[in-house]
Amino acid sequence: MEDVTIATSSAVGKHLEKIAEGTPVSYLVFNKQKITLVAKMTIGRSFDNTIVIDNKLASRHHATIQKIKDAYFLKDEESTNGTFLNGVRVPAGKYVRLNPGDKITIGAATLVMS
């Protein structure tokens, strides 16, 4: 006899099961645009960055998003005003794992992981 549970029989249960699988992040949303993630991306005010943030609170080379194995990590590049992940300041030089829905704040700019 087959075990029928709310997870196997309802749309909500199936959706929660997908979330539990740990869907990897694949893009950022910034200024209402999807930016596909690559192995290494730099973020900052300088035009040589992958993602340019036109804001005086952003350092020239503010932060880095880097793929390590099958996950993406955020690193603050010793910026003046800090990088925030979900409202918490990222320690300079430390890698923090990114998950879907995470909000990265640099100055007045917000980038959302999806």
PDB file of N, CA and C in Angstrom:
ATOM      1  N   MET A   1       0.843  -1.192   0.000  1.00  0.00           N
ATOM      2  CA  MET A   1       0.000   0.000   0.000  1.00  0.00           C
ATOM      3  C   MET A   1       0.882   1.247   0.000  1.00  0.00           C
ATOM      4  N   GLU A   2       0.508   2.231  -0.798  1.00  0.00           N
ATOM      5  CA  GLU A   2       1.286   3.453  -0.937  1.00  0.00           C
ATOM      6  C   GLU A   2       0.997   4.401   0.218  1.00  0.00           C
ATOM      7  N   ASP A   3       2.064   5.000   0.760  1.00  0.00           N
ATOM      8  CA  ASP A   3       1.897   5.987   1.824  1.00  0.00           C
ATOM      9  C   ASP A   3       1.533   7.330   1.207  1.00  0.00           C
ATOM     10  N   VAL A   4       0.367   7.833   1.545  1.00  0.00           N
ATOM     11  CA  VAL A   4      -0.066   9.125   1.049  1.00  0.00           C
ATOM     12  C   VAL A   4       0.026  10.112   2.197  1.00  0.00           C
ATOM     13  N   THR A   5       0.777  11.175   1.968  1.00  0.00           N
ATOM     14  CA  THR A   5       0.918  12.214   2.987  1.00  0.00           C
ATOM     15  C   THR A   5       0.567  13.549   2.366  1.00  0.00           C
ATOM     16  N   ILE A   6       0.490  14.564   3.192  1.00  0.00           N
ATOM     17  CA  ILE A   6       0.199  15.896   2.676  1.00  0.00           C
ATOM     18  C   ILE A   6       1.298  16.354   1.720  1.00  0.00           C
ATOM     19  N   ALA A   7       2.542  15.898   1.947  1.00  0.00           N
ATOM     20  CA  ALA A   7       3.658  16.274   1.069  1.00  0.00           C
ATOM     21  C   ALA A   7       3.516  15.661  -0.318  1.00  0.00           C
ATOM     22  N   THR A   8       2.936  14.478  -0.410  1.00  0.00           N
ATOM     23  CA  THR A   8       2.818  13.821  -1.717  1.00  0.00           C
ATOM     24  C   THR A   8       1.485  14.098  -2.399  1.00  0.00           C
ATOM     25  N   SER A   9       0.484  14.557  -1.640  1.00  0.00           N
ATOM     26  CA  SER A   9      -0.841  14.711  -2.241  1.00  0.00           C
ATOM     27  C   SER A   9      -1.285  16.157  -2.456  1.00  0.00           C
ATOM     28  N   SER A  10      -0.599  17.132  -1.881  1.00  0.00           N
ATOM     29  CA  SER A  10      -1.043  18.516  -2.042  1.00  0.00           C
ATOM     30  C   SER A  10      -0.015  19.348  -2.804  1.00  0.00           C
ATOM     31  N   ALA A  11      -0.505  20.399  -3.436  1.00  0.00           N
ATOM     32  CA  ALA A  11       0.377  21.311  -4.179  1.00  0.00           C
ATOM     33  C   ALA A  11       1.351  22.014  -3.237  1.00  0.00           C
ATOM     34  N   VAL A  12       0.870  22.390  -2.055  1.00  0.00           N
ATOM     35  CA  VAL A  12       1.729  23.055  -1.071  1.00  0.00           C
ATOM     36  C   VAL A  12       2.843  22.111  -0.626  1.00  0.00           C
ATOM     37  N   GLY A  13       2.496  20.864  -0.362  1.00  0.00           N
ATOM     38  CA  GLY A  13       3.489  19.880   0.056  1.00  0.00           C
ATOM     39  C   GLY A  13       4.547  19.664  -1.007  1.00  0.00           C
ATOM     40  N   LYS A  14       4.139  19.592  -2.247  1.00  0.00           N
ATOM     41  CA  LYS A  14       5.099  19.411  -3.349  1.00  0.00           C
ATOM     42  C   LYS A  14       6.007  20.628  -3.482  1.00  0.00           C
ATOM     43  N   HIS A  15       5.446  21.827  -3.295  1.00  0.00           N
ATOM     44  CA  HIS A  15       6.249  23.045  -3.359  1.00  0.00           C
ATOM     45  C   HIS A  15       7.281  23.059  -2.231  1.00  0.00           C
ATOM     46  N   LEU A  16       6.856  22.706  -1.027  1.00  0.00           N
ATOM     47  CA  LEU A  16       7.783  22.663   0.112  1.00  0.00           C
ATOM     48  C   LEU A  16       8.876  21.625  -0.103  1.00  0.00           C
ATOM     49  N   GLU A  17       8.533  20.535  -0.736  1.00  0.00           N
ATOM     50  CA  GLU A  17       9.522  19.500  -1.026  1.00  0.00           C
ATOM     51  C   GLU A  17      10.592  20.033  -1.977  1.00  0.00           C
ATOM     52  N   LYS A  18      10.189  20.821  -2.962  1.00  0.00           N
ATOM     53  CA  LYS A  18      11.148  21.415  -3.895  1.00  0.00           C
ATOM     54  C   LYS A  18      12.075  22.379  -3.174  1.00  0.00           C
ATOM     55  N   ILE A  19      11.519  23.188  -2.281  1.00  0.00           N
ATOM     56  CA  ILE A  19      12.333  24.131  -1.512  1.00  0.00           C
ATOM     57  C   ILE A  19      13.336  23.369  -0.652  1.00  0.00           C
ATOM     58  N   ALA A  20      12.918  22.285  -0.051  1.00  0.00           N
ATOM     59  CA  ALA A  20      13.784  21.491   0.820  1.00  0.00           C
ATOM     60  C   ALA A  20      14.948  20.867   0.059  1.00  0.00           C
ATOM     61  N   GLU A  21      14.782  20.669  -1.254  1.00  0.00           N
ATOM     62  CA  GLU A  21      15.857  20.092  -2.050  1.00  0.00           C
ATOM     63  C   GLU A  21      17.049  21.030  -2.160  1.00  0.00           C
ATOM     64  N   GLY A  22      16.893  22.289  -1.785  1.00  0.00           N
ATOM     65  CA  GLY A  22      17.993  23.234  -1.834  1.00  0.00           C
ATOM     66  C   GLY A  22      18.310  23.679  -3.249  1.00  0.00           C
ATOM     67  N   THR A  23      17.327  24.220  -3.909  1.00  0.00           N
ATOM     68  CA  THR A  23      17.512  24.716  -5.261  1.00  0.00           C
ATOM     69  C   THR A  23      18.659  25.717  -5.274  1.00  0.00           C
ATOM     70  N   PRO A  24      19.672  25.493  -6.096  1.00  0.00           N
ATOM     71  CA  PRO A  24      20.817  26.399  -6.116  1.00  0.00           C
ATOM     72  C   PRO A  24      20.457  27.740  -6.748  1.00  0.00           C
ATOM     73  N   VAL A  25      21.167  28.779  -6.314  1.00  0.00           N
ATOM     74  CA  VAL A  25      20.957  30.088  -6.911  1.00  0.00           C
ATOM     75  C   VAL A  25      21.563  30.092  -8.306  1.00  0.00           C
ATOM     76  N   SER A  26      20.965  30.839  -9.226  1.00  0.00           N
ATOM     77  CA  SER A  26      21.497  30.875 -10.583  1.00  0.00           C
ATOM     78  C   SER A  26      21.577  32.289 -11.152  1.00  0.00           C
ATOM     79  N   TYR A  27      20.925  33.249 -10.493  1.00  0.00           N
ATOM     80  CA  TYR A  27      21.009  34.620 -10.981  1.00  0.00           C
ATOM     81  C   TYR A  27      20.724  35.615  -9.871  1.00  0.00           C
ATOM     82  N   LEU A  28      21.092  36.875 -10.132  1.00  0.00           N
ATOM     83  CA  LEU A  28      20.838  37.999  -9.240  1.00  0.00           C
ATOM     84  C   LEU A  28      19.783  38.885  -9.884  1.00  0.00           C
ATOM     85  N   VAL A  29      18.998  39.549  -9.084  1.00  0.00           N
ATOM     86  CA  VAL A  29      18.090  40.571  -9.591  1.00  0.00           C
ATOM     87  C   VAL A  29      18.598  41.906  -9.063  1.00  0.00           C
ATOM     88  N   PHE A  30      18.915  42.811 -10.002  1.00  0.00           N
ATOM     89  CA  PHE A  30      19.435  44.127  -9.654  1.00  0.00           C
ATOM     90  C   PHE A  30      18.856  45.130 -10.650  1.00  0.00           C
ATOM     91  N   ASN A  31      18.260  46.191 -10.142  1.00  0.00           N
ATOM     92  CA  ASN A  31      17.592  47.196 -10.989  1.00  0.00           C
ATOM     93  C   ASN A  31      16.580  46.551 -11.933  1.00  0.00           C
ATOM     94  N   LYS A  32      15.820  45.611 -11.410  1.00  0.00           N
ATOM     95  CA  LYS A  32      14.763  44.899 -12.136  1.00  0.00           C
ATOM     96  C   LYS A  32      15.289  44.091 -13.324  1.00  0.00           C
ATOM     97  N   GLN A  33      16.579  43.759 -13.307  1.00  0.00           N
ATOM     98  CA  GLN A  33      17.173  42.946 -14.358  1.00  0.00           C
ATOM     99  C   GLN A  33      17.759  41.678 -13.756  1.00  0.00           C
ATOM    100  N   LYS A  34      17.650  40.577 -14.504  1.00  0.00           N
ATOM    101  CA  LYS A  34      18.264  39.325 -14.086  1.00  0.00           C
ATOM    102  C   LYS A  34      19.694  39.304 -14.591  1.00  0.00           C
ATOM    103  N   ILE A  35      20.621  39.013 -13.683  1.00  0.00           N
ATOM    104  CA  ILE A  35      22.031  38.910 -14.029  1.00  0.00           C
ATOM    105  C   ILE A  35      22.454  37.472 -13.759  1.00  0.00           C
ATOM    106  N   THR A  36      22.817  36.755 -14.809  1.00  0.00           N
ATOM    107  CA  THR A  36      23.227  35.361 -14.671  1.00  0.00           C
ATOM    108  C   THR A  36      24.547  35.294 -13.915  1.00  0.00           C
ATOM    109  N   LEU A  37      24.605  34.397 -12.935  1.00  0.00           N
ATOM    110  CA  LEU A  37      25.824  34.242 -12.150  1.00  0.00           C
ATOM    111  C   LEU A  37      26.873  33.481 -12.938  1.00  0.00           C
ATOM    112  N   VAL A  38      28.111  33.915 -12.808  1.00  0.00           N
ATOM    113  CA  VAL A  38      29.253  33.229 -13.403  1.00  0.00           C
ATOM    114  C   VAL A  38      30.203  32.856 -12.274  1.00  0.00           C
ATOM    115  N   ALA A  39      31.329  32.231 -12.604  1.00  0.00           N
ATOM    116  CA  ALA A  39      32.250  31.717 -11.585  1.00  0.00           C
ATOM    117  C   ALA A  39      32.725  32.790 -10.606  1.00  0.00           C
ATOM    118  N   LYS A  40      32.995  33.993 -11.102  1.00  0.00           N
ATOM    119  CA  LYS A  40      33.435  35.073 -10.212  1.00  0.00           C
ATOM    120  C   LYS A  40      32.905  36.392 -10.737  1.00  0.00           C
ATOM    121  N   MET A  41      32.279  37.164  -9.835  1.00  0.00           N
ATOM    122  CA  MET A  41      31.723  38.458 -10.193  1.00  0.00           C
ATOM    123  C   MET A  41      32.179  39.490  -9.166  1.00  0.00           C
ATOM    124  N   THR A  42      32.579  40.646  -9.654  1.00  0.00           N
ATOM    125  CA  THR A  42      32.954  41.724  -8.750  1.00  0.00           C
ATOM    126  C   THR A  42      31.855  42.779  -8.759  1.00  0.00           C
ATOM    127  N   ILE A  43      31.695  43.433  -7.620  1.00  0.00           N
ATOM    128  CA  ILE A  43      30.648  44.439  -7.454  1.00  0.00           C
ATOM    129  C   ILE A  43      31.299  45.696  -6.889  1.00  0.00           C
ATOM    130  N   GLY A  44      30.965  46.849  -7.471  1.00  0.00           N
ATOM    131  CA  GLY A  44      31.502  48.098  -6.944  1.00  0.00           C
ATOM    132  C   GLY A  44      31.184  49.273  -7.833  1.00  0.00           C
ATOM    133  N   ARG A  45      31.747  50.415  -7.473  1.00  0.00           N
ATOM    134  CA  ARG A  45      31.477  51.670  -8.171  1.00  0.00           C
ATOM    135  C   ARG A  45      32.308  51.826  -9.449  1.00  0.00           C
ATOM    136  N   SER A  46      33.467  51.192  -9.507  1.00  0.00           N
ATOM    137  CA  SER A  46      34.357  51.307 -10.661  1.00  0.00           C
ATOM    138  C   SER A  46      33.784  50.568 -11.874  1.00  0.00           C
ATOM    139  N   PHE A  47      34.019  51.107 -13.059  1.00  0.00           N
ATOM    140  CA  PHE A  47      33.459  50.537 -14.279  1.00  0.00           C
ATOM    141  C   PHE A  47      34.106  49.216 -14.689  1.00  0.00           C
ATOM    142  N   ASP A  48      35.196  48.812 -14.037  1.00  0.00           N
ATOM    143  CA  ASP A  48      35.813  47.521 -14.373  1.00  0.00           C
ATOM    144  C   ASP A  48      35.194  46.352 -13.606  1.00  0.00           C
ATOM    145  N   ASN A  49      34.149  46.600 -12.824  1.00  0.00           N
ATOM    146  CA  ASN A  49      33.437  45.540 -12.096  1.00  0.00           C
ATOM    147  C   ASN A  49      32.426  44.851 -13.002  1.00  0.00           C
ATOM    148  N   THR A  50      32.081  43.628 -12.654  1.00  0.00           N
ATOM    149  CA  THR A  50      31.039  42.901 -13.375  1.00  0.00           C
ATOM    150  C   THR A  50      29.690  43.597 -13.178  1.00  0.00           C
ATOM    151  N   ILE A  51      29.420  43.998 -11.933  1.00  0.00           N
ATOM    152  CA  ILE A  51      28.190  44.730 -11.603  1.00  0.00           C
ATOM    153  C   ILE A  51      28.604  46.095 -11.068  1.00  0.00           C
ATOM    154  N   VAL A  52      28.215  47.150 -11.783  1.00  0.00           N
ATOM    155  CA  VAL A  52      28.576  48.509 -11.391  1.00  0.00           C
ATOM    156  C   VAL A  52      27.420  49.133 -10.616  1.00  0.00           C
ATOM    157  N   ILE A  53      27.730  49.634  -9.419  1.00  0.00           N
ATOM    158  CA  ILE A  53      26.739  50.301  -8.576  1.00  0.00           C
ATOM    159  C   ILE A  53      27.085  51.782  -8.530  1.00  0.00           C
ATOM    160  N   ASP A  54      26.233  52.595  -9.110  1.00  0.00           N
ATOM    161  CA  ASP A  54      26.454  54.031  -9.168  1.00  0.00           C
ATOM    162  C   ASP A  54      25.918  54.666  -7.895  1.00  0.00           C
ATOM    163  N   ASN A  55      26.723  54.581  -6.833  1.00  0.00           N
ATOM    164  CA  ASN A  55      26.309  55.089  -5.538  1.00  0.00           C
ATOM    165  C   ASN A  55      27.566  55.442  -4.759  1.00  0.00           C
ATOM    166  N   LYS A  56      27.603  56.621  -4.169  1.00  0.00           N
ATOM    167  CA  LYS A  56      28.799  57.061  -3.452  1.00  0.00           C
ATOM    168  C   LYS A  56      29.104  56.218  -2.214  1.00  0.00           C
ATOM    169  N   LEU A  57      28.127  55.482  -1.713  1.00  0.00           N
ATOM    170  CA  LEU A  57      28.365  54.624  -0.546  1.00  0.00           C
ATOM    171  C   LEU A  57      29.030  53.303  -0.927  1.00  0.00           C
ATOM    172  N   ALA A  58      29.099  53.024  -2.227  1.00  0.00           N
ATOM    173  CA  ALA A  58      29.765  51.809  -2.702  1.00  0.00           C
ATOM    174  C   ALA A  58      31.238  52.118  -2.943  1.00  0.00           C
ATOM    175  N   SER A  59      32.107  51.218  -2.502  1.00  0.00           N
ATOM    176  CA  SER A  59      33.538  51.368  -2.762  1.00  0.00           C
ATOM    177  C   SER A  59      33.820  51.025  -4.216  1.00  0.00           C
ATOM    178  N   ARG A  60      34.994  51.417  -4.709  1.00  0.00           N
ATOM    179  CA  ARG A  60      35.341  51.120  -6.106  1.00  0.00           C
ATOM    180  C   ARG A  60      35.301  49.614  -6.361  1.00  0.00           C
ATOM    181  N   HIS A  61      35.856  48.835  -5.466  1.00  0.00           N
ATOM    182  CA  HIS A  61      35.810  47.370  -5.544  1.00  0.00           C
ATOM    183  C   HIS A  61      35.264  46.892  -4.201  1.00  0.00           C
ATOM    184  N   HIS A  62      33.960  46.781  -4.136  1.00  0.00           N
ATOM    185  CA  HIS A  62      33.240  46.622  -2.877  1.00  0.00           C
ATOM    186  C   HIS A  62      33.134  45.176  -2.404  1.00  0.00           C
ATOM    187  N   ALA A  63      32.697  44.280  -3.297  1.00  0.00           N
ATOM    188  CA  ALA A  63      32.442  42.891  -2.885  1.00  0.00           C
ATOM    189  C   ALA A  63      32.644  41.953  -4.070  1.00  0.00           C
ATOM    190  N   THR A  64      32.729  40.656  -3.753  1.00  0.00           N
ATOM    191  CA  THR A  64      32.892  39.627  -4.772  1.00  0.00           C
ATOM    192  C   THR A  64      31.900  38.508  -4.505  1.00  0.00           C
ATOM    193  N   ILE A  65      31.308  37.982  -5.581  1.00  0.00           N
ATOM    194  CA  ILE A  65      30.508  36.761  -5.501  1.00  0.00           C
ATOM    195  C   ILE A  65      31.298  35.716  -6.271  1.00  0.00           C
ATOM    196  N   GLN A  66      31.584  34.595  -5.602  1.00  0.00           N
ATOM    197  CA  GLN A  66      32.408  33.564  -6.222  1.00  0.00           C
ATOM    198  C   GLN A  66      31.777  32.193  -6.050  1.00  0.00           C
ATOM    199  N   LYS A  67      31.854  31.404  -7.119  1.00  0.00           N
ATOM    200  CA  LYS A  67      31.352  30.035  -7.062  1.00  0.00           C
ATOM    201  C   LYS A  67      32.461  29.146  -6.520  1.00  0.00           C
ATOM    202  N   ILE A  68      32.125  28.396  -5.485  1.00  0.00           N
ATOM    203  CA  ILE A  68      33.052  27.434  -4.897  1.00  0.00           C
ATOM    204  C   ILE A  68      32.309  26.108  -4.852  1.00  0.00           C
ATOM    205  N   LYS A  69      32.810  25.145  -5.590  1.00  0.00           N
ATOM    206  CA  LYS A  69      32.141  23.860  -5.814  1.00  0.00           C
ATOM    207  C   LYS A  69      30.781  24.127  -6.431  1.00  0.00           C
ATOM    208  N   ASP A  70      29.682  23.783  -5.778  1.00  0.00           N
ATOM    209  CA  ASP A  70      28.350  23.964  -6.355  1.00  0.00           C
ATOM    210  C   ASP A  70      27.556  25.083  -5.687  1.00  0.00           C
ATOM    211  N   ALA A  71      28.239  25.975  -4.973  1.00  0.00           N
ATOM    212  CA  ALA A  71      27.541  27.039  -4.258  1.00  0.00           C
ATOM    213  C   ALA A  71      28.208  28.386  -4.532  1.00  0.00           C
ATOM    214  N   TYR A  72      27.459  29.448  -4.298  1.00  0.00           N
ATOM    215  CA  TYR A  72      27.982  30.799  -4.463  1.00  0.00           C
ATOM    216  C   TYR A  72      28.190  31.429  -3.090  1.00  0.00           C
ATOM    217  N   PHE A  73      29.270  32.203  -2.983  1.00  0.00           N
ATOM    218  CA  PHE A  73      29.639  32.845  -1.734  1.00  0.00           C
ATOM    219  C   PHE A  73      29.886  34.328  -1.965  1.00  0.00           C
ATOM    220  N   LEU A  74      29.586  35.122  -0.938  1.00  0.00           N
ATOM    221  CA  LEU A  74      29.778  36.566  -0.971  1.00  0.00           C
ATOM    222  C   LEU A  74      30.959  36.917  -0.077  1.00  0.00           C
ATOM    223  N   LYS A  75      31.797  37.836  -0.556  1.00  0.00           N
ATOM    224  CA  LYS A  75      32.946  38.293   0.230  1.00  0.00           C
ATOM    225  C   LYS A  75      33.015  39.807   0.147  1.00  0.00           C
ATOM    226  N   ASP A  76      33.101  40.471   1.296  1.00  0.00           N
ATOM    227  CA  ASP A  76      33.304  41.914   1.334  1.00  0.00           C
ATOM    228  C   ASP A  76      34.787  42.178   1.093  1.00  0.00           C
ATOM    229  N   GLU A  77      35.103  43.064   0.181  1.00  0.00           N
ATOM    230  CA  GLU A  77      36.497  43.356  -0.175  1.00  0.00           C
ATOM    231  C   GLU A  77      37.039  44.535   0.626  1.00  0.00           C
ATOM    232  N   GLU A  78      36.841  44.466   1.956  1.00  0.00           N
ATOM    233  CA  GLU A  78      37.302  45.511   2.879  1.00  0.00           C
ATOM    234  C   GLU A  78      36.780  46.888   2.472  1.00  0.00           C
ATOM    235  N   SER A  79      35.487  46.915   2.138  1.00  0.00           N
ATOM    236  CA  SER A  79      34.843  48.162   1.722  1.00  0.00           C
ATOM    237  C   SER A  79      34.737  49.128   2.891  1.00  0.00           C
ATOM    238  N   THR A  80      34.602  50.400   2.571  1.00  0.00           N
ATOM    239  CA  THR A  80      34.500  51.432   3.603  1.00  0.00           C
ATOM    240  C   THR A  80      33.191  51.329   4.379  1.00  0.00           C
ATOM    241  N   ASN A  81      32.069  51.154   3.669  1.00  0.00           N
ATOM    242  CA  ASN A  81      30.754  51.179   4.314  1.00  0.00           C
ATOM    243  C   ASN A  81      30.148  49.806   4.554  1.00  0.00           C
ATOM    244  N   GLY A  82      30.846  48.751   4.189  1.00  0.00           N
ATOM    245  CA  GLY A  82      30.379  47.398   4.470  1.00  0.00           C
ATOM    246  C   GLY A  82      29.403  46.844   3.457  1.00  0.00           C
ATOM    247  N   THR A  83      29.330  45.518   3.463  1.00  0.00           N
ATOM    248  CA  THR A  83      28.388  44.760   2.647  1.00  0.00           C
ATOM    249  C   THR A  83      27.452  44.055   3.616  1.00  0.00           C
ATOM    250  N   PHE A  84      26.160  44.085   3.323  1.00  0.00           N
ATOM    251  CA  PHE A  84      25.171  43.491   4.220  1.00  0.00           C
ATOM    252  C   PHE A  84      24.428  42.364   3.517  1.00  0.00           C
ATOM    253  N   LEU A  85      24.275  41.258   4.215  1.00  0.00           N
ATOM    254  CA  LEU A  85      23.514  40.117   3.726  1.00  0.00           C
ATOM    255  C   LEU A  85      22.332  39.930   4.650  1.00  0.00           C
ATOM    256  N   ASN A  86      21.134  40.142   4.108  1.00  0.00           N
ATOM    257  CA  ASN A  86      19.901  40.053   4.897  1.00  0.00           C
ATOM    258  C   ASN A  86      19.958  40.951   6.134  1.00  0.00           C
ATOM    259  N   GLY A  87      20.550  42.136   5.980  1.00  0.00           N
ATOM    260  CA  GLY A  87      20.598  43.104   7.064  1.00  0.00           C
ATOM    261  C   GLY A  87      21.750  42.940   8.038  1.00  0.00           C
ATOM    262  N   VAL A  88      22.570  41.911   7.869  1.00  0.00           N
ATOM    263  CA  VAL A  88      23.699  41.650   8.774  1.00  0.00           C
ATOM    264  C   VAL A  88      24.998  41.939   8.029  1.00  0.00           C
ATOM    265  N   ARG A  89      25.872  42.702   8.656  1.00  0.00           N
ATOM    266  CA  ARG A  89      27.137  43.065   8.015  1.00  0.00           C
ATOM    267  C   ARG A  89      28.019  41.831   7.821  1.00  0.00           C
ATOM    268  N   VAL A  90      28.561  41.692   6.617  1.00  0.00           N
ATOM    269  CA  VAL A  90      29.461  40.587   6.285  1.00  0.00           C
ATOM    270  C   VAL A  90      30.853  40.980   6.768  1.00  0.00           C
ATOM    271  N   PRO A  91      31.511  40.135   7.571  1.00  0.00           N
ATOM    272  CA  PRO A  91      32.868  40.473   8.022  1.00  0.00           C
ATOM    273  C   PRO A  91      33.816  40.587   6.826  1.00  0.00           C
ATOM    274  N   ALA A  92      34.667  41.611   6.827  1.00  0.00           N
ATOM    275  CA  ALA A  92      35.610  41.832   5.729  1.00  0.00           C
ATOM    276  C   ALA A  92      36.496  40.606   5.547  1.00  0.00           C
ATOM    277  N   GLY A  93      36.652  40.194   4.292  1.00  0.00           N
ATOM    278  CA  GLY A  93      37.544  39.084   3.973  1.00  0.00           C
ATOM    279  C   GLY A  93      36.978  37.698   4.228  1.00  0.00           C
ATOM    280  N   LYS A  94      35.758  37.598   4.738  1.00  0.00           N
ATOM    281  CA  LYS A  94      35.142  36.291   5.027  1.00  0.00           C
ATOM    282  C   LYS A  94      34.136  35.936   3.933  1.00  0.00           C
ATOM    283  N   TYR A  95      34.091  34.655   3.573  1.00  0.00           N
ATOM    284  CA  TYR A  95      33.116  34.168   2.599  1.00  0.00           C
ATOM    285  C   TYR A  95      31.848  33.727   3.327  1.00  0.00           C
ATOM    286  N   VAL A  96      30.692  34.164   2.809  1.00  0.00           N
ATOM    287  CA  VAL A  96      29.397  33.807   3.376  1.00  0.00           C
ATOM    288  C   VAL A  96      28.576  33.164   2.262  1.00  0.00           C
ATOM    289  N   ARG A  97      28.002  31.995   2.533  1.00  0.00           N
ATOM    290  CA  ARG A  97      27.231  31.262   1.519  1.00  0.00           C
ATOM    291  C   ARG A  97      25.938  31.998   1.187  1.00  0.00           C
ATOM    292  N   LEU A  98      25.607  32.029  -0.105  1.00  0.00           N
ATOM    293  CA  LEU A  98      24.379  32.671  -0.579  1.00  0.00           C
ATOM    294  C   LEU A  98      23.311  31.631  -0.858  1.00  0.00           C
ATOM    295  N   ASN A  99      22.081  31.971  -0.534  1.00  0.00           N
ATOM    296  CA  ASN A  99      20.933  31.100  -0.745  1.00  0.00           C
ATOM    297  C   ASN A  99      19.856  31.862  -1.505  1.00  0.00           C
ATOM    298  N   PRO A 100      18.939  31.139  -2.159  1.00  0.00           N
ATOM    299  CA  PRO A 100      17.841  31.826  -2.854  1.00  0.00           C
ATOM    300  C   PRO A 100      17.077  32.749  -1.907  1.00  0.00           C
ATOM    301  N   GLY A 101      16.785  33.944  -2.381  1.00  0.00           N
ATOM    302  CA  GLY A 101      16.042  34.909  -1.572  1.00  0.00           C
ATOM    303  C   GLY A 101      16.915  35.830  -0.739  1.00  0.00           C
ATOM    304  N   ASP A 102      18.214  35.549  -0.639  1.00  0.00           N
ATOM    305  CA  ASP A 102      19.105  36.416   0.124  1.00  0.00           C
ATOM    306  C   ASP A 102      19.169  37.798  -0.512  1.00  0.00           C
ATOM    307  N   LYS A 103      19.250  38.824   0.348  1.00  0.00           N
ATOM    308  CA  LYS A 103      19.337  40.205  -0.113  1.00  0.00           C
ATOM    309  C   LYS A 103      20.710  40.758   0.253  1.00  0.00           C
ATOM    310  N   ILE A 104      21.439  41.193  -0.771  1.00  0.00           N
ATOM    311  CA  ILE A 104      22.744  41.807  -0.581  1.00  0.00           C
ATOM    312  C   ILE A 104      22.546  43.310  -0.692  1.00  0.00           C
ATOM    313  N   THR A 105      22.998  44.053   0.322  1.00  0.00           N
ATOM    314  CA  THR A 105      22.857  45.498   0.303  1.00  0.00           C
ATOM    315  C   THR A 105      24.235  46.130   0.278  1.00  0.00           C
ATOM    316  N   ILE A 106      24.440  46.987  -0.719  1.00  0.00           N
ATOM    317  CA  ILE A 106      25.676  47.743  -0.864  1.00  0.00           C
ATOM    318  C   ILE A 106      25.267  49.196  -1.074  1.00  0.00           C
ATOM    319  N   GLY A 107      25.553  50.021  -0.094  1.00  0.00           N
ATOM    320  CA  GLY A 107      25.086  51.401  -0.152  1.00  0.00           C
ATOM    321  C   GLY A 107      23.573  51.422  -0.189  1.00  0.00           C
ATOM    322  N   ALA A 108      23.000  52.108  -1.186  1.00  0.00           N
ATOM    323  CA  ALA A 108      21.546  52.166  -1.325  1.00  0.00           C
ATOM    324  C   ALA A 108      21.022  51.102  -2.274  1.00  0.00           C
ATOM    325  N   ALA A 109      21.912  50.260  -2.810  1.00  0.00           N
ATOM    326  CA  ALA A 109      21.526  49.242  -3.786  1.00  0.00           C
ATOM    327  C   ALA A 109      21.250  47.897  -3.114  1.00  0.00           C
ATOM    328  N   THR A 110      20.246  47.202  -3.601  1.00  0.00           N
ATOM    329  CA  THR A 110      19.915  45.860  -3.107  1.00  0.00           C
ATOM    330  C   THR A 110      19.922  44.894  -4.275  1.00  0.00           C
ATOM    331  N   LEU A 111      20.624  43.785  -4.090  1.00  0.00           N
ATOM    332  CA  LEU A 111      20.665  42.704  -5.082  1.00  0.00           C
ATOM    333  C   LEU A 111      20.023  41.494  -4.433  1.00  0.00           C
ATOM    334  N   VAL A 112      19.162  40.788  -5.161  1.00  0.00           N
ATOM    335  CA  VAL A 112      18.451  39.642  -4.609  1.00  0.00           C
ATOM    336  C   VAL A 112      18.898  38.378  -5.328  1.00  0.00           C
ATOM    337  N   MET A 113      19.257  37.357  -4.558  1.00  0.00           N
ATOM    338  CA  MET A 113      19.657  36.065  -5.113  1.00  0.00           C
ATOM    339  C   MET A 113      18.411  35.275  -5.476  1.00  0.00           C
ATOM    340  N   SER A 114      18.427  34.674  -6.660  1.00  0.00           N
ATOM    341  CA  SER A 114      17.283  33.874  -7.090  1.00  0.00           C
ATOM    342  C   SER A 114      17.736  32.593  -7.726  1.00  0.00           C
TER     343      SER A 114
END
